[in-house]
Structures are given as structure tokens and as C-alpha cells.
Amino acid sequence: MGKLVPHIIRIWLLTGFLVGLVGHSRVMAQKEVLYAQYLTNPMAINPALAGVREDFSMTLAFRGRLFSFLNRSAGQIAAPITQTFAGDGQLGTGPFGLGLQILNDRNSALGLGLICLGSNLSYRVDLPNLAKLYLGAQLGANILPITDLTSSVNTSTVLFSYGAGLYYDAEHVFAGLSVPELGRSAKSLLGLPQFTVNHPVFAQLGGKFDLSDDLRLLPSVLLTQTDGYPLAYDLNAKLWYAQRAAIGVSVRQNNVFYYKGPVSYVQASLDYQLSQNIRLGYTFNSTAPEAAPNSFQPQIHELIFRFTPNPNQLRFSYF
């Protein structure tokens, strides 16, 4: 463990560099919904995680209320409804990893929402004692709804998105540092800011502990600093049994969601490895962070499907 400490220190010393990249403008776009799924899709907050699993895998997540009742006035399904796709893998046997993620988030009964497209590239550096350091970059586009205040006509605009991150992985510890969004705000047809983009800095630290031959515990903490908001922190833990089933809990404090201030909630998860190729998951959120506090059916649910075409028989992915 002592040999790992210098590597971890080097990672955290890079915080100043990443923080210095963050702009001072503060925005409210809906990409925070993607960030909230980082336990299912780690690339959501850190592009360096593209290809960390090595095997190419694809993940689909469907997020919404338990009962999507029709909005009687609009005659449409109640929001929010979110679909997420993420796919990543290692390029051959080399040090590069490649990832793609797509978010379709509708947070309005009128159909307004966000489409997020992102591509991630990572580079692996092999360190002593089988430790690895990954450097990642993200480039994508956010398609946002824009309303002309003079005519109330809804249109859309495209904002380019880019970010960077680091990820350290060793036998018993992992750590990450990232700024996944460095883009600028969108302006309406009047030239006024309508969608601004938060620039959160994520710092993650976790461990891997074998409690027995069949039980592996993965505790972690995630710190998030967003301009103008208090420090947010998530306390996470997931327990795997015999590489077959897992139960997890995430206590989240002061998470920032666009038009709302800091939100605190609890997330619980279940995973089941149906076969070597297929993993099923379910996530429960005690509240939909983007929903109004007094909204009907505040809880939000997610169904997750992961498919790995050619899994490594000798290496199991715990995330």
C-alpha cells in the first residue's frame, strides 16, 4: 500500500490544473441527469474511464417514474423520462480506450429536453505493482431547446462539449479527478443566456476489499465542487456476492440540478449477472432530483441492461 501512495498523491496534485480550466460562468443545463448515473456509467463524470473494463460492453438505462400517467392537460406522458446509451472498450491490446454515450432526457410534458452526444478517448499508463493510470478526454455536443421570448417559438441550439479527466486503478484502491464539461452557455434569440452550463469538478476515491471468498465490498466517496454552490459529497457502497449479485447504496448530499439548488437524496441499487454476457440492474432514487419538491410521485426508477459480446473469462468487472 505504501508504494501506491505516491501515485495517488500525484493524481490529486493535478487538481489545481483541472480546476484552472473551469470557467467562471454558471449555467443550468440538464446534463446533471447524466452525471447522476455515474455508478452505472462511470464515463458520465470521467472520460478517462473509457475502456477501463477492457472488454467492449454496451449499457442501456431507462429512467422514469414507476407509473407514467398521462398529463391530462397536454395529453402526453408525464416527465421526466430519460434514456441513456453507453458503450466503451479497449482498442485491441494497446493502451487506448474508446467510448460513446448518448443521453435523451425529457423533463417537460411539452417534450422539451436535452440530447447529449459524447465521445471519450483514454490512454493507459502502466505503473509498478500492476497499477494503471488513465488519461481521458471528452468531445461531444449538447442539443438544447431554445425559446424565442418574442414569439414563443421553440427551436434548438447545439453546444459543443469537451472535458478531461484522470483515473488511477490499483489492486485495492481507485481514484479519479475530472472536469467533464468545459463548454459555454447557450443564448436565446434575444442574445440573453437561456441555458448555462455548470462546470463541476469531480474527485473520487474508493477501495476494493475481499471480505471472504465470495464477498467483495466496494466503498467510495465522490466530492463535487460547482461554482457558487456548497461542496457536494456522495457516500457509496456496493457489496458483490460470488460475482453474481450485488446490492448498493449511495447517500448524496448537496447535488446540484440545473434550475434547483442543492438536493440531497438516497439511491439504492441491485445488480444481477444473468450470464457472462448479460447484466441486469435496477436503481431507486428517493426523489427525482430535477422534479419540484411537491411534485406527484417524487421517486424515480431506473432499469439497466448491459451486454458484453466477448467477456474476458479471467476478469470480472465490478462496475
Protein backbone atom coordinates (compact mmCIF):
# COMPACT_ATOMS: atom_id res chain seq x y z
CA MET A 1 0.00 0.00 0.00
CA GLY A 2 2.88 2.34 0.80
CA LYS A 3 4.10 2.12 -2.78
CA LEU A 4 0.69 3.23 -4.04
CA VAL A 5 0.54 6.42 -2.00
CA PRO A 6 2.99 8.45 -4.18
CA HIS A 7 0.93 7.68 -7.28
CA ILE A 8 -2.29 8.79 -5.58
CA ILE A 9 -0.63 12.00 -4.36
CA ARG A 10 0.47 12.83 -7.91
CA ILE A 11 -3.11 12.45 -9.11
CA TRP A 12 -4.56 14.76 -6.50
CA LEU A 13 -1.84 17.36 -7.12
CA LEU A 14 -3.27 17.74 -10.62
CA THR A 15 -6.45 19.16 -9.13
CA GLY A 16 -5.13 22.68 -9.50
CA PHE A 17 -4.55 22.17 -13.19
CA LEU A 18 -8.05 20.87 -13.84
CA VAL A 19 -9.72 23.49 -11.65
CA GLY A 20 -7.84 26.18 -13.54
CA LEU A 21 -9.57 25.06 -16.73
CA VAL A 22 -13.01 25.75 -15.31
CA GLY A 23 -14.73 28.95 -16.47
CA HIS A 24 -16.46 31.31 -14.10
CA SER A 25 -19.83 31.40 -15.88
CA ARG A 26 -22.52 29.39 -14.17
CA VAL A 27 -25.24 27.57 -16.09
CA MET A 28 -28.24 25.41 -15.69
CA ALA A 29 -28.38 22.70 -18.32
CA GLN A 30 -29.79 19.24 -17.87
CA LYS A 31 -26.54 17.31 -18.18
CA GLU A 32 -26.63 16.81 -14.41
CA VAL A 33 -29.04 13.92 -15.05
CA LEU A 34 -26.20 12.14 -16.87
CA TYR A 35 -23.79 12.84 -14.02
CA ALA A 36 -26.22 11.26 -11.54
CA GLN A 37 -25.83 7.92 -13.38
CA TYR A 38 -22.07 7.66 -12.79
CA LEU A 39 -22.31 4.44 -10.76
CA THR A 40 -23.93 2.77 -13.78
CA ASN A 41 -21.99 4.67 -16.43
CA PRO A 42 -18.64 5.84 -14.97
CA MET A 43 -17.80 7.73 -18.19
CA ALA A 44 -20.62 10.14 -17.31
CA ILE A 45 -18.30 12.06 -14.99
CA ASN A 46 -14.84 10.94 -16.13
CA PRO A 47 -13.78 10.32 -19.76
CA ALA A 48 -10.65 8.53 -18.54
CA LEU A 49 -12.82 5.52 -17.68
CA ALA A 50 -13.41 4.74 -21.35
CA GLY A 51 -12.07 1.23 -21.90
CA VAL A 52 -11.12 0.59 -18.27
CA ARG A 53 -13.20 -2.61 -18.32
CA GLU A 54 -11.08 -3.62 -21.36
CA ASP A 55 -13.90 -5.75 -22.80
CA PHE A 56 -16.23 -3.93 -25.15
CA SER A 57 -19.60 -3.51 -23.41
CA MET A 58 -22.85 -1.66 -24.06
CA THR A 59 -25.19 -0.31 -21.39
CA LEU A 60 -28.78 0.85 -21.77
CA ALA A 61 -30.57 2.70 -18.96
CA PHE A 62 -34.24 3.66 -18.87
CA ARG A 63 -35.17 6.22 -16.24
CA GLY A 64 -38.64 7.42 -15.23
CA ARG A 65 -41.45 7.30 -12.71
CA LEU A 66 -42.95 3.98 -11.69
CA PHE A 67 -46.25 4.91 -13.32
CA SER A 68 -46.03 7.29 -16.28
CA PHE A 69 -49.53 8.72 -16.06
CA LEU A 70 -50.78 10.88 -18.89
CA ASN A 71 -50.74 14.60 -18.37
CA ARG A 72 -54.44 15.35 -18.71
CA SER A 73 -53.99 18.90 -19.96
CA ALA A 74 -51.30 18.10 -22.54
CA GLY A 75 -52.30 14.50 -23.26
CA GLN A 76 -48.69 13.36 -23.02
CA ILE A 77 -46.76 11.03 -20.76
CA ALA A 78 -45.62 12.60 -17.51
CA ALA A 79 -41.95 13.63 -17.37
CA PRO A 80 -39.13 13.15 -16.54
CA ILE A 81 -38.22 10.31 -18.89
CA THR A 82 -34.62 9.53 -19.75
CA GLN A 83 -32.86 7.01 -21.98
CA THR A 84 -29.10 6.57 -21.84
CA PHE A 85 -26.75 4.51 -24.00
CA ALA A 86 -23.08 3.99 -23.20
CA GLY A 87 -20.56 1.79 -24.98
CA ASP A 88 -16.83 1.54 -24.45
CA GLY A 89 -13.88 -0.80 -24.75
CA GLN A 90 -10.17 -1.13 -25.22
CA LEU A 91 -8.81 -0.72 -28.76
CA GLY A 92 -7.14 -4.04 -29.44
CA THR A 93 -4.42 -4.82 -26.94
CA GLY A 94 -2.97 -1.31 -26.96
CA PRO A 95 -3.15 1.49 -24.37
CA PHE A 96 -6.10 3.34 -25.94
CA GLY A 97 -9.75 3.10 -24.92
CA LEU A 98 -12.74 4.50 -26.76
CA GLY A 99 -16.24 5.29 -25.53
CA LEU A 100 -19.54 6.69 -26.75
CA GLN A 101 -22.53 7.89 -24.72
CA ILE A 102 -25.93 9.25 -25.70
CA LEU A 103 -28.47 10.85 -23.37
CA ASN A 104 -32.06 11.65 -24.31
CA ASP A 105 -33.63 13.47 -21.37
CA ARG A 106 -37.12 14.92 -21.46
CA ASN A 107 -38.00 16.92 -18.38
CA SER A 108 -41.17 18.57 -19.68
CA ALA A 109 -44.64 17.36 -20.62
CA LEU A 110 -44.27 19.60 -23.67
CA GLY A 111 -41.45 17.41 -24.91
CA LEU A 112 -38.62 19.88 -24.20
CA GLY A 113 -35.38 18.35 -23.09
CA LEU A 114 -31.75 17.63 -23.80
CA ILE A 115 -29.97 15.33 -26.22
CA CYS A 116 -26.35 14.78 -25.28
CA LEU A 117 -23.80 13.08 -27.54
CA GLY A 118 -20.33 12.37 -26.23
CA SER A 119 -17.21 10.54 -27.37
CA ASN A 120 -14.39 9.63 -24.99
CA LEU A 121 -10.78 8.70 -25.59
CA SER A 122 -8.43 7.38 -22.91
CA TYR A 123 -4.75 6.47 -22.74
CA ARG A 124 -3.36 3.96 -20.24
CA VAL A 125 -0.02 4.29 -18.48
CA ASP A 126 1.21 1.11 -16.76
CA LEU A 127 2.70 1.69 -13.30
CA PRO A 128 4.57 -0.57 -10.86
CA ASN A 129 2.67 -3.30 -8.96
CA LEU A 130 0.13 -3.68 -11.78
CA ALA A 131 -1.29 -0.21 -11.08
CA LYS A 132 -2.61 1.82 -14.01
CA LEU A 133 -3.14 5.50 -14.71
CA TYR A 134 -5.66 6.54 -17.36
CA LEU A 135 -5.77 9.97 -19.02
CA GLY A 136 -9.01 10.84 -20.78
CA ALA A 137 -10.55 13.49 -22.99
CA GLN A 138 -14.18 14.01 -23.97
CA LEU A 139 -15.67 15.74 -27.00
CA GLY A 140 -19.35 15.95 -27.82
CA ALA A 141 -22.40 18.09 -28.40
CA ASN A 142 -25.46 19.10 -26.39
CA ILE A 143 -28.68 19.78 -28.31
CA LEU A 144 -30.73 22.19 -26.20
CA PRO A 145 -34.22 23.66 -26.60
CA ILE A 146 -34.33 27.44 -27.10
CA THR A 147 -37.43 29.61 -26.81
CA ASP A 148 -37.86 32.90 -28.66
CA LEU A 149 -39.36 35.18 -25.99
CA THR A 150 -40.91 37.44 -28.62
CA SER A 151 -42.86 34.75 -30.49
CA SER A 152 -42.81 31.83 -28.00
CA VAL A 153 -41.46 29.65 -30.80
CA ASN A 154 -39.44 26.67 -29.63
CA THR A 155 -36.29 25.81 -31.55
CA SER A 156 -32.97 24.25 -30.63
CA THR A 157 -29.29 25.05 -30.49
CA VAL A 158 -26.14 22.95 -30.40
CA LEU A 159 -23.42 23.50 -27.83
CA PHE A 160 -20.10 21.76 -28.24
CA SER A 161 -18.89 19.96 -25.15
CA TYR A 162 -15.42 18.99 -24.06
CA GLY A 163 -13.76 17.82 -20.86
CA ALA A 164 -10.82 15.96 -19.33
CA GLY A 165 -10.10 13.50 -16.56
CA LEU A 166 -7.65 11.19 -14.79
CA TYR A 167 -8.29 7.77 -13.29
CA TYR A 168 -5.98 5.65 -11.13
CA ASP A 169 -6.63 1.93 -10.62
CA ALA A 170 -4.70 -0.47 -8.38
CA GLU A 171 -5.35 -3.76 -6.62
CA HIS A 172 -7.08 -2.28 -3.57
CA VAL A 173 -7.72 1.38 -4.39
CA PHE A 174 -9.06 3.56 -7.19
CA ALA A 175 -9.23 7.33 -7.60
CA GLY A 176 -10.43 9.80 -10.18
CA LEU A 177 -10.31 13.51 -10.91
CA SER A 178 -12.24 15.11 -13.75
CA VAL A 179 -13.92 18.15 -15.27
CA PRO A 180 -16.31 16.58 -17.82
CA GLU A 181 -17.88 19.83 -19.01
CA LEU A 182 -15.92 22.90 -20.07
CA GLY A 183 -18.39 24.23 -22.65
CA ARG A 184 -20.03 27.66 -22.70
CA SER A 185 -23.63 28.76 -22.22
CA ALA A 186 -26.34 28.92 -24.88
CA LYS A 187 -28.09 32.16 -25.80
CA SER A 188 -31.68 32.67 -26.83
CA LEU A 189 -32.70 34.54 -29.96
CA LEU A 190 -32.61 37.78 -27.96
CA GLY A 191 -28.99 37.21 -27.06
CA LEU A 192 -29.76 36.52 -23.40
CA PRO A 193 -28.40 33.46 -21.60
CA GLN A 194 -31.10 30.78 -21.51
CA PHE A 195 -29.05 27.66 -20.83
CA THR A 196 -25.84 27.96 -18.95
CA VAL A 197 -23.57 25.01 -18.26
CA ASN A 198 -22.32 24.06 -14.83
CA HIS A 199 -18.61 23.22 -14.68
CA PRO A 200 -18.35 20.73 -11.80
CA VAL A 201 -15.03 19.28 -10.66
CA PHE A 202 -15.34 15.64 -9.54
CA ALA A 203 -12.88 13.95 -7.15
CA GLN A 204 -13.43 10.26 -6.40
CA LEU A 205 -11.67 7.84 -4.05
CA GLY A 206 -12.62 4.24 -3.37
CA GLY A 207 -11.40 0.84 -2.26
CA LYS A 208 -11.80 -2.86 -3.08
CA PHE A 209 -11.94 -5.26 -0.16
CA ASP A 210 -12.46 -9.03 -0.18
CA LEU A 211 -14.47 -9.87 2.94
CA SER A 212 -14.47 -13.57 2.07
CA ASP A 213 -14.04 -15.81 -0.95
CA ASP A 214 -17.50 -14.79 -2.18
CA LEU A 215 -17.96 -11.24 -0.83
CA ARG A 216 -16.30 -8.13 -2.22
CA LEU A 217 -17.04 -4.66 -0.82
CA LEU A 218 -16.54 -1.52 -2.93
CA PRO A 219 -16.85 1.66 -0.79
CA SER A 220 -16.19 5.06 -2.33
CA VAL A 221 -16.70 8.77 -1.86
CA LEU A 222 -17.31 11.38 -4.55
CA LEU A 223 -16.74 15.09 -3.94
CA THR A 224 -18.18 17.62 -6.36
CA GLN A 225 -17.41 21.34 -6.44
CA THR A 226 -19.53 23.60 -8.61
CA ASP A 227 -19.05 27.37 -8.78
CA GLY A 228 -21.41 29.19 -6.43
CA TYR A 229 -22.64 26.07 -4.62
CA PRO A 230 -21.60 24.26 -1.45
CA LEU A 231 -19.40 21.18 -1.71
CA ALA A 232 -21.43 18.11 -2.65
CA TYR A 233 -20.47 14.65 -1.44
CA ASP A 234 -21.71 11.13 -2.15
CA LEU A 235 -21.04 8.18 0.16
CA ASN A 236 -21.29 4.95 -1.82
CA ALA A 237 -21.00 1.25 -1.03
CA LYS A 238 -21.67 -1.84 -3.13
CA LEU A 239 -21.42 -5.45 -1.96
CA TRP A 240 -20.95 -8.24 -4.53
CA TYR A 241 -21.71 -11.89 -3.80
CA ALA A 242 -19.90 -14.61 -5.79
CA GLN A 243 -19.63 -12.31 -8.83
CA ARG A 244 -23.32 -12.98 -9.35
CA ALA A 245 -25.41 -10.43 -7.44
CA ALA A 246 -24.81 -7.06 -5.78
CA ILE A 247 -26.63 -4.58 -3.58
CA GLY A 248 -25.61 -0.94 -3.28
CA VAL A 249 -26.48 2.31 -1.55
CA SER A 250 -25.50 5.91 -2.28
CA VAL A 251 -26.18 8.79 0.10
CA ARG A 252 -25.96 12.05 -1.84
CA GLN A 253 -25.76 15.49 -0.24
CA ASN A 254 -25.92 18.93 -1.94
CA ASN A 255 -26.10 17.59 -5.51
CA VAL A 256 -26.74 20.44 -7.96
CA PHE A 257 -29.53 20.16 -10.54
CA TYR A 258 -29.97 23.00 -13.06
CA TYR A 259 -32.97 25.12 -12.07
CA LYS A 260 -32.88 23.84 -8.48
CA GLY A 261 -30.34 24.44 -5.78
CA PRO A 262 -28.54 21.69 -3.87
CA VAL A 263 -30.58 18.49 -3.50
CA SER A 264 -29.99 15.59 -1.09
CA TYR A 265 -31.36 12.12 -1.69
CA VAL A 266 -30.65 8.40 -1.36
CA GLN A 267 -30.06 5.94 -4.17
CA ALA A 268 -30.31 2.14 -3.82
CA SER A 269 -29.31 -0.38 -6.46
CA LEU A 270 -29.50 -4.07 -7.34
CA ASP A 271 -27.34 -5.90 -9.90
CA TYR A 272 -27.59 -9.43 -11.20
CA GLN A 273 -25.14 -11.10 -13.55
CA LEU A 274 -27.55 -13.18 -15.61
CA SER A 275 -24.77 -14.70 -17.71
CA GLN A 276 -21.21 -13.86 -18.69
CA ASN A 277 -22.64 -11.62 -21.41
CA ILE A 278 -25.67 -10.03 -19.74
CA ARG A 279 -26.05 -7.98 -16.56
CA LEU A 280 -29.35 -6.60 -15.28
CA GLY A 281 -29.70 -3.72 -12.86
CA TYR A 282 -32.28 -1.65 -11.02
CA THR A 283 -31.81 1.71 -9.29
CA PHE A 284 -34.21 3.51 -6.97
CA ASN A 285 -33.87 7.22 -6.19
CA SER A 286 -35.74 8.52 -3.16
CA THR A 287 -36.58 11.62 -5.13
CA ALA A 288 -36.24 12.78 -8.72
CA PRO A 289 -33.60 15.48 -8.14
CA GLU A 290 -34.86 17.57 -11.07
CA ALA A 291 -38.52 17.42 -10.03
CA ALA A 292 -40.30 20.05 -7.94
CA PRO A 293 -40.31 19.26 -4.19
CA ASN A 294 -44.10 18.98 -4.08
CA SER A 295 -44.47 17.02 -7.34
CA PHE A 296 -46.61 13.92 -7.54
CA GLN A 297 -44.61 10.67 -7.44
CA PRO A 298 -41.25 12.18 -6.44
CA GLN A 299 -39.38 8.85 -6.62
CA ILE A 300 -37.54 7.89 -9.79
CA HIS A 301 -36.61 4.41 -11.03
CA GLU A 302 -34.02 3.11 -13.49
CA LEU A 303 -33.73 -0.18 -15.34
CA ILE A 304 -30.26 -1.06 -16.62
CA PHE A 305 -29.22 -3.62 -19.23
CA ARG A 306 -25.58 -4.34 -20.03
CA PHE A 307 -24.33 -6.58 -22.83
CA THR A 308 -20.71 -7.68 -23.26
CA PRO A 309 -20.27 -9.61 -26.53
CA ASN A 310 -16.90 -11.26 -25.72
CA PRO A 311 -16.19 -11.08 -21.98
CA ASN A 312 -12.80 -11.90 -20.54
CA GLN A 313 -13.23 -15.23 -18.80
CA LEU A 314 -10.46 -14.42 -16.31
CA ARG A 315 -11.51 -10.87 -15.37
CA PHE A 316 -14.78 -9.80 -13.79
CA SER A 317 -15.98 -6.20 -13.93
CA TYR A 318 -17.45 -4.98 -10.64
CA PHE A 319 -18.83 -1.75 -12.13
